[in-house]
Amino acid sequence: MQSAKTEDDRLQMFFDGELAPEEEAAVRRDLQSSAEGKAQLHEWEQIRDAMKTVSSEWSGAIDSDALFARIEAEISAPSVPEPKVVAPPVLRVVPGGRERRVWGAVAMGFAAAAAIFLAVVTWPGKETPPGDEMARGTEVLEVDFGANTGTIFNVEGGAGESLAVIWIDDEEVGMP
């Protein structure tokens, strides 16, 4: 006795015409030997006839020459698509670049002048008048960095005095 799957496969091969002639004759005899088999054989023959009719009507509506020409064109087309040409991005001028450089140069000039001034004022070897030790050193009351940022450092000098060092960053902040 065969399993249901094997029997279904065998019946499918029978109706598709894929069995050897002697095996096809044996399956037909088995189906015609019972009322249920005869009904199934009749039902499957009707389905096969309907499929053949529909497929012949459908295939008559297809232009097979155009279909195969399209298939051959797609097969012969290159598998790697051509790279797309992309236009370069549009560049625009951003105002304020020159002013930034000017203000940066001005800030650097002020920083250099302050450094020179501090070097001259605190030059070692200069005698401090007696009683004037507390007067030496620096005190920063106010610094205007403008549109730049900066930092104030309190540094001990070579003779132990307190010095203010102002570092101005030439990167502007708060500008659009």
C-alpha atoms as a PDB file:
ATOM      1  CA  MET A   1       0.000   0.000   0.000  1.00  0.00           C
ATOM      2  CA  GLN A   2       1.325   3.435  -0.951  1.00  0.00           C
ATOM      3  CA  SER A   3       1.234   6.580   1.176  1.00  0.00           C
ATOM      4  CA  ALA A   4      -1.271   9.327   0.349  1.00  0.00           C
ATOM      5  CA  LYS A   5       1.566  11.635  -0.822  1.00  0.00           C
ATOM      6  CA  THR A   6       2.990   8.984  -3.153  1.00  0.00           C
ATOM      7  CA  GLU A   7      -0.492   8.235  -4.514  1.00  0.00           C
ATOM      8  CA  ASP A   8      -1.155  11.969  -5.099  1.00  0.00           C
ATOM      9  CA  ASP A   9       2.178  12.359  -6.881  1.00  0.00           C
ATOM     10  CA  ARG A  10       1.423   9.329  -9.043  1.00  0.00           C
ATOM     11  CA  LEU A  11      -2.050  10.662  -9.933  1.00  0.00           C
ATOM     12  CA  GLN A  12      -0.576  14.084 -10.759  1.00  0.00           C
ATOM     13  CA  MET A  13       2.002  12.471 -13.060  1.00  0.00           C
ATOM     14  CA  PHE A  14      -0.822  10.428 -14.662  1.00  0.00           C
ATOM     15  CA  PHE A  15      -2.895  13.516 -15.472  1.00  0.00           C
ATOM     16  CA  ASP A  16       0.194  15.424 -16.679  1.00  0.00           C
ATOM     17  CA  GLY A  17       1.073  12.552 -19.061  1.00  0.00           C
ATOM     18  CA  GLU A  18       4.418  11.897 -17.355  1.00  0.00           C
ATOM     19  CA  LEU A  19       4.005   8.148 -16.678  1.00  0.00           C
ATOM     20  CA  ALA A  20       5.326   5.310 -18.782  1.00  0.00           C
ATOM     21  CA  PRO A  21       2.560   3.808 -20.989  1.00  0.00           C
ATOM     22  CA  GLU A  22       2.250   0.544 -19.006  1.00  0.00           C
ATOM     23  CA  GLU A  23       2.118   2.422 -15.659  1.00  0.00           C
ATOM     24  CA  GLU A  24      -0.424   4.865 -17.110  1.00  0.00           C
ATOM     25  CA  ALA A  25      -2.619   1.914 -18.163  1.00  0.00           C
ATOM     26  CA  ALA A  26      -2.373   0.413 -14.644  1.00  0.00           C
ATOM     27  CA  VAL A  27      -3.429   3.735 -12.986  1.00  0.00           C
ATOM     28  CA  ARG A  28      -6.343   4.104 -15.438  1.00  0.00           C
ATOM     29  CA  ARG A  29      -7.508   0.535 -14.654  1.00  0.00           C
ATOM     30  CA  ASP A  30      -7.311   1.247 -10.907  1.00  0.00           C
ATOM     31  CA  LEU A  31      -9.327   4.458 -11.254  1.00  0.00           C
ATOM     32  CA  GLN A  32     -12.000   2.851 -13.477  1.00  0.00           C
ATOM     33  CA  SER A  33     -12.418  -0.100 -11.137  1.00  0.00           C
ATOM     34  CA  SER A  34     -14.311   1.962  -8.514  1.00  0.00           C
ATOM     35  CA  ALA A  35     -17.103   4.520  -8.691  1.00  0.00           C
ATOM     36  CA  GLU A  36     -15.026   7.007  -6.696  1.00  0.00           C
ATOM     37  CA  GLY A  37     -12.045   6.511  -9.035  1.00  0.00           C
ATOM     38  CA  LYS A  38     -14.266   6.996 -12.121  1.00  0.00           C
ATOM     39  CA  ALA A  39     -15.636  10.257 -10.674  1.00  0.00           C
ATOM     40  CA  GLN A  40     -12.117  11.480  -9.866  1.00  0.00           C
ATOM     41  CA  LEU A  41     -10.870  10.523 -13.352  1.00  0.00           C
ATOM     42  CA  HIS A  42     -13.799  12.364 -14.964  1.00  0.00           C
ATOM     43  CA  GLU A  43     -13.287  15.432 -12.751  1.00  0.00           C
ATOM     44  CA  TRP A  44      -9.548  15.641 -13.502  1.00  0.00           C
ATOM     45  CA  GLU A  45     -10.126  15.214 -17.241  1.00  0.00           C
ATOM     46  CA  GLN A  46     -12.584  18.124 -17.173  1.00  0.00           C
ATOM     47  CA  ILE A  47     -10.020  20.271 -15.323  1.00  0.00           C
ATOM     48  CA  ARG A  48      -7.307  19.298 -17.835  1.00  0.00           C
ATOM     49  CA  ASP A  49      -9.540  20.135 -20.781  1.00  0.00           C
ATOM     50  CA  ALA A  50     -10.509  23.502 -19.252  1.00  0.00           C
ATOM     51  CA  MET A  51      -6.833  24.356 -18.623  1.00  0.00           C
ATOM     52  CA  LYS A  52      -5.898  23.452 -22.202  1.00  0.00           C
ATOM     53  CA  THR A  53      -8.710  25.625 -23.570  1.00  0.00           C
ATOM     54  CA  VAL A  54      -7.807  28.617 -21.432  1.00  0.00           C
ATOM     55  CA  SER A  55      -4.087  28.282 -22.102  1.00  0.00           C
ATOM     56  CA  SER A  56      -4.590  28.034 -25.865  1.00  0.00           C
ATOM     57  CA  GLU A  57      -6.848  31.129 -25.819  1.00  0.00           C
ATOM     58  CA  TRP A  58      -4.372  33.014 -23.646  1.00  0.00           C
ATOM     59  CA  SER A  59      -1.341  32.009 -25.677  1.00  0.00           C
ATOM     60  CA  GLY A  60      -3.083  33.092 -28.889  1.00  0.00           C
ATOM     61  CA  ALA A  61      -3.320  36.647 -27.499  1.00  0.00           C
ATOM     62  CA  ILE A  62       0.425  36.868 -26.821  1.00  0.00           C
ATOM     63  CA  ASP A  63       2.851  38.237 -29.402  1.00  0.00           C
ATOM     64  CA  SER A  64       5.563  35.659 -28.818  1.00  0.00           C
ATOM     65  CA  ASP A  65       8.037  37.294 -31.207  1.00  0.00           C
ATOM     66  CA  ALA A  66       7.887  40.589 -29.269  1.00  0.00           C
ATOM     67  CA  LEU A  67       8.083  38.717 -25.957  1.00  0.00           C
ATOM     68  CA  PHE A  68      11.239  36.821 -26.961  1.00  0.00           C
ATOM     69  CA  ALA A  69      12.788  39.959 -28.458  1.00  0.00           C
ATOM     70  CA  ARG A  70      12.257  41.754 -25.124  1.00  0.00           C
ATOM     71  CA  ILE A  71      13.724  38.791 -23.202  1.00  0.00           C
ATOM     72  CA  GLU A  72      16.804  38.696 -25.456  1.00  0.00           C
ATOM     73  CA  ALA A  73      17.268  42.478 -25.112  1.00  0.00           C
ATOM     74  CA  GLU A  74      17.158  42.248 -21.320  1.00  0.00           C
ATOM     75  CA  ILE A  75      19.585  39.318 -21.303  1.00  0.00           C
ATOM     76  CA  SER A  76      22.092  41.156 -23.514  1.00  0.00           C
ATOM     77  CA  ALA A  77      21.804  44.408 -21.527  1.00  0.00           C
ATOM     78  CA  PRO A  78      24.814  45.188 -19.305  1.00  0.00           C
ATOM     79  CA  SER A  79      24.409  43.897 -15.770  1.00  0.00           C
ATOM     80  CA  VAL A  80      26.058  46.962 -14.216  1.00  0.00           C
ATOM     81  CA  PRO A  81      24.081  50.143 -14.864  1.00  0.00           C
ATOM     82  CA  GLU A  82      25.837  53.204 -16.187  1.00  0.00           C
ATOM     83  CA  PRO A  83      26.760  55.660 -13.416  1.00  0.00           C
ATOM     84  CA  LYS A  84      24.498  58.655 -13.252  1.00  0.00           C
ATOM     85  CA  VAL A  85      26.060  62.013 -13.949  1.00  0.00           C
ATOM     86  CA  VAL A  86      25.453  64.240 -10.967  1.00  0.00           C
ATOM     87  CA  ALA A  87      25.673  67.989 -11.308  1.00  0.00           C
ATOM     88  CA  PRO A  88      28.169  69.602  -8.948  1.00  0.00           C
ATOM     89  CA  PRO A  89      26.620  71.330  -5.949  1.00  0.00           C
ATOM     90  CA  VAL A  90      25.827  74.994  -6.255  1.00  0.00           C
ATOM     91  CA  LEU A  91      28.273  77.034  -4.218  1.00  0.00           C
ATOM     92  CA  ARG A  92      27.350  80.290  -2.574  1.00  0.00           C
ATOM     93  CA  VAL A  93      29.419  83.007  -1.003  1.00  0.00           C
ATOM     94  CA  VAL A  94      28.943  83.434   2.720  1.00  0.00           C
ATOM     95  CA  PRO A  95      29.374  87.063   3.759  1.00  0.00           C
ATOM     96  CA  GLY A  96      31.596  87.926   6.696  1.00  0.00           C
ATOM     97  CA  GLY A  97      34.697  85.871   5.921  1.00  0.00           C
ATOM     98  CA  ARG A  98      36.885  88.952   5.366  1.00  0.00           C
ATOM     99  CA  GLU A  99      35.595  90.706   8.482  1.00  0.00           C
ATOM    100  CA  ARG A 100      36.398  87.633  10.520  1.00  0.00           C
ATOM    101  CA  ARG A 101      39.998  87.658   9.357  1.00  0.00           C
ATOM    102  CA  VAL A 102      40.305  91.404  10.066  1.00  0.00           C
ATOM    103  CA  TRP A 103      38.925  91.065  13.603  1.00  0.00           C
ATOM    104  CA  GLY A 104      41.123  88.057  14.202  1.00  0.00           C
ATOM    105  CA  ALA A 105      44.199  90.027  13.127  1.00  0.00           C
ATOM    106  CA  VAL A 106      43.187  92.955  15.362  1.00  0.00           C
ATOM    107  CA  ALA A 107      42.708  90.611  18.327  1.00  0.00           C
ATOM    108  CA  MET A 108      46.095  88.979  17.675  1.00  0.00           C
ATOM    109  CA  GLY A 109      47.675  92.468  17.543  1.00  0.00           C
ATOM    110  CA  PHE A 110      46.159  93.395  20.900  1.00  0.00           C
ATOM    111  CA  ALA A 111      47.326  90.115  22.400  1.00  0.00           C
ATOM    112  CA  ALA A 112      50.865  90.692  21.102  1.00  0.00           C
ATOM    113  CA  ALA A 113      50.874  94.265  22.464  1.00  0.00           C
ATOM    114  CA  ALA A 114      49.673  93.049  25.856  1.00  0.00           C
ATOM    115  CA  ALA A 115      52.386  90.377  25.927  1.00  0.00           C
ATOM    116  CA  ILE A 116      55.088  92.909  25.062  1.00  0.00           C
ATOM    117  CA  PHE A 117      53.761  95.319  27.679  1.00  0.00           C
ATOM    118  CA  LEU A 118      53.763  92.610  30.322  1.00  0.00           C
ATOM    119  CA  ALA A 119      57.279  91.528  29.376  1.00  0.00           C
ATOM    120  CA  VAL A 120      58.575  95.111  29.691  1.00  0.00           C
ATOM    121  CA  VAL A 121      56.768  95.785  32.966  1.00  0.00           C
ATOM    122  CA  THR A 122      57.911  92.566  34.598  1.00  0.00           C
ATOM    123  CA  TRP A 123      61.425  92.438  33.169  1.00  0.00           C
ATOM    124  CA  PRO A 124      63.682  90.726  35.750  1.00  0.00           C
ATOM    125  CA  GLY A 125      66.534  92.699  37.297  1.00  0.00           C
ATOM    126  CA  LYS A 126      64.515  95.845  37.783  1.00  0.00           C
ATOM    127  CA  GLU A 127      64.656  96.887  41.430  1.00  0.00           C
ATOM    128  CA  THR A 128      61.429  97.405  43.294  1.00  0.00           C
ATOM    129  CA  PRO A 129      61.498 100.473  45.551  1.00  0.00           C
ATOM    130  CA  PRO A 130      61.327  99.520  49.231  1.00  0.00           C
ATOM    131  CA  GLY A 131      57.780  99.274  50.528  1.00  0.00           C
ATOM    132  CA  ASP A 132      56.401  98.972  46.972  1.00  0.00           C
ATOM    133  CA  GLU A 133      56.325  95.118  46.881  1.00  0.00           C
ATOM    134  CA  MET A 134      52.548  94.989  47.100  1.00  0.00           C
ATOM    135  CA  ALA A 135      52.087  97.470  44.263  1.00  0.00           C
ATOM    136  CA  ARG A 136      53.740  95.117  41.762  1.00  0.00           C
ATOM    137  CA  GLY A 137      51.633  92.648  39.863  1.00  0.00           C
ATOM    138  CA  THR A 138      48.522  93.075  37.797  1.00  0.00           C
ATOM    139  CA  GLU A 139      44.833  93.225  38.313  1.00  0.00           C
ATOM    140  CA  VAL A 140      42.341  92.911  35.460  1.00  0.00           C
ATOM    141  CA  LEU A 141      39.225  94.951  35.978  1.00  0.00           C
ATOM    142  CA  GLU A 142      37.533  94.468  32.612  1.00  0.00           C
ATOM    143  CA  VAL A 143      38.266  92.850  29.228  1.00  0.00           C
ATOM    144  CA  ASP A 144      36.188  93.371  26.102  1.00  0.00           C
ATOM    145  CA  PHE A 145      36.675  90.343  23.830  1.00  0.00           C
ATOM    146  CA  GLY A 146      34.293  91.732  21.183  1.00  0.00           C
ATOM    147  CA  ALA A 147      32.819  88.957  19.090  1.00  0.00           C
ATOM    148  CA  ASN A 148      35.612  86.606  20.161  1.00  0.00           C
ATOM    149  CA  THR A 149      36.090  84.435  23.202  1.00  0.00           C
ATOM    150  CA  GLY A 150      38.997  84.557  25.575  1.00  0.00           C
ATOM    151  CA  THR A 151      40.418  83.454  28.905  1.00  0.00           C
ATOM    152  CA  ILE A 152      42.215  85.330  31.660  1.00  0.00           C
ATOM    153  CA  PHE A 153      45.000  83.444  33.453  1.00  0.00           C
ATOM    154  CA  ASN A 154      46.690  84.486  36.667  1.00  0.00           C
ATOM    155  CA  VAL A 155      50.353  83.394  36.337  1.00  0.00           C
ATOM    156  CA  GLU A 156      53.229  83.667  38.772  1.00  0.00           C
ATOM    157  CA  GLY A 157      56.159  85.630  37.307  1.00  0.00           C
ATOM    158  CA  GLY A 158      59.882  84.860  37.603  1.00  0.00           C
ATOM    159  CA  ALA A 159      60.242  86.972  40.767  1.00  0.00           C
ATOM    160  CA  GLY A 160      57.108  85.513  42.345  1.00  0.00           C
ATOM    161  CA  GLU A 161      54.797  88.313  41.300  1.00  0.00           C
ATOM    162  CA  SER A 162      51.255  87.720  40.054  1.00  0.00           C
ATOM    163  CA  LEU A 163      50.726  88.382  36.326  1.00  0.00           C
ATOM    164  CA  ALA A 164      47.523  88.458  34.313  1.00  0.00           C
ATOM    165  CA  VAL A 165      47.713  86.769  30.923  1.00  0.00           C
ATOM    166  CA  ILE A 166      44.832  87.292  28.520  1.00  0.00           C
ATOM    167  CA  TRP A 167      44.341  84.722  25.758  1.00  0.00           C
ATOM    168  CA  ILE A 168      41.999  85.839  22.968  1.00  0.00           C
ATOM    169  CA  ASP A 169      40.617  83.148  20.709  1.00  0.00           C
ATOM    170  CA  ASP A 170      40.140  84.425  17.166  1.00  0.00           C
ATOM    171  CA  GLU A 171      37.033  82.284  16.595  1.00  0.00           C
ATOM    172  CA  GLU A 172      33.981  84.498  16.681  1.00  0.00           C
ATOM    173  CA  VAL A 173      30.916  83.426  18.630  1.00  0.00           C
ATOM    174  CA  GLY A 174      27.319  84.473  18.308  1.00  0.00           C
ATOM    175  CA  MET A 175      27.643  85.402  14.617  1.00  0.00           C
ATOM    176  CA  PRO A 176      25.215  83.822  12.106  1.00  0.00           C
END
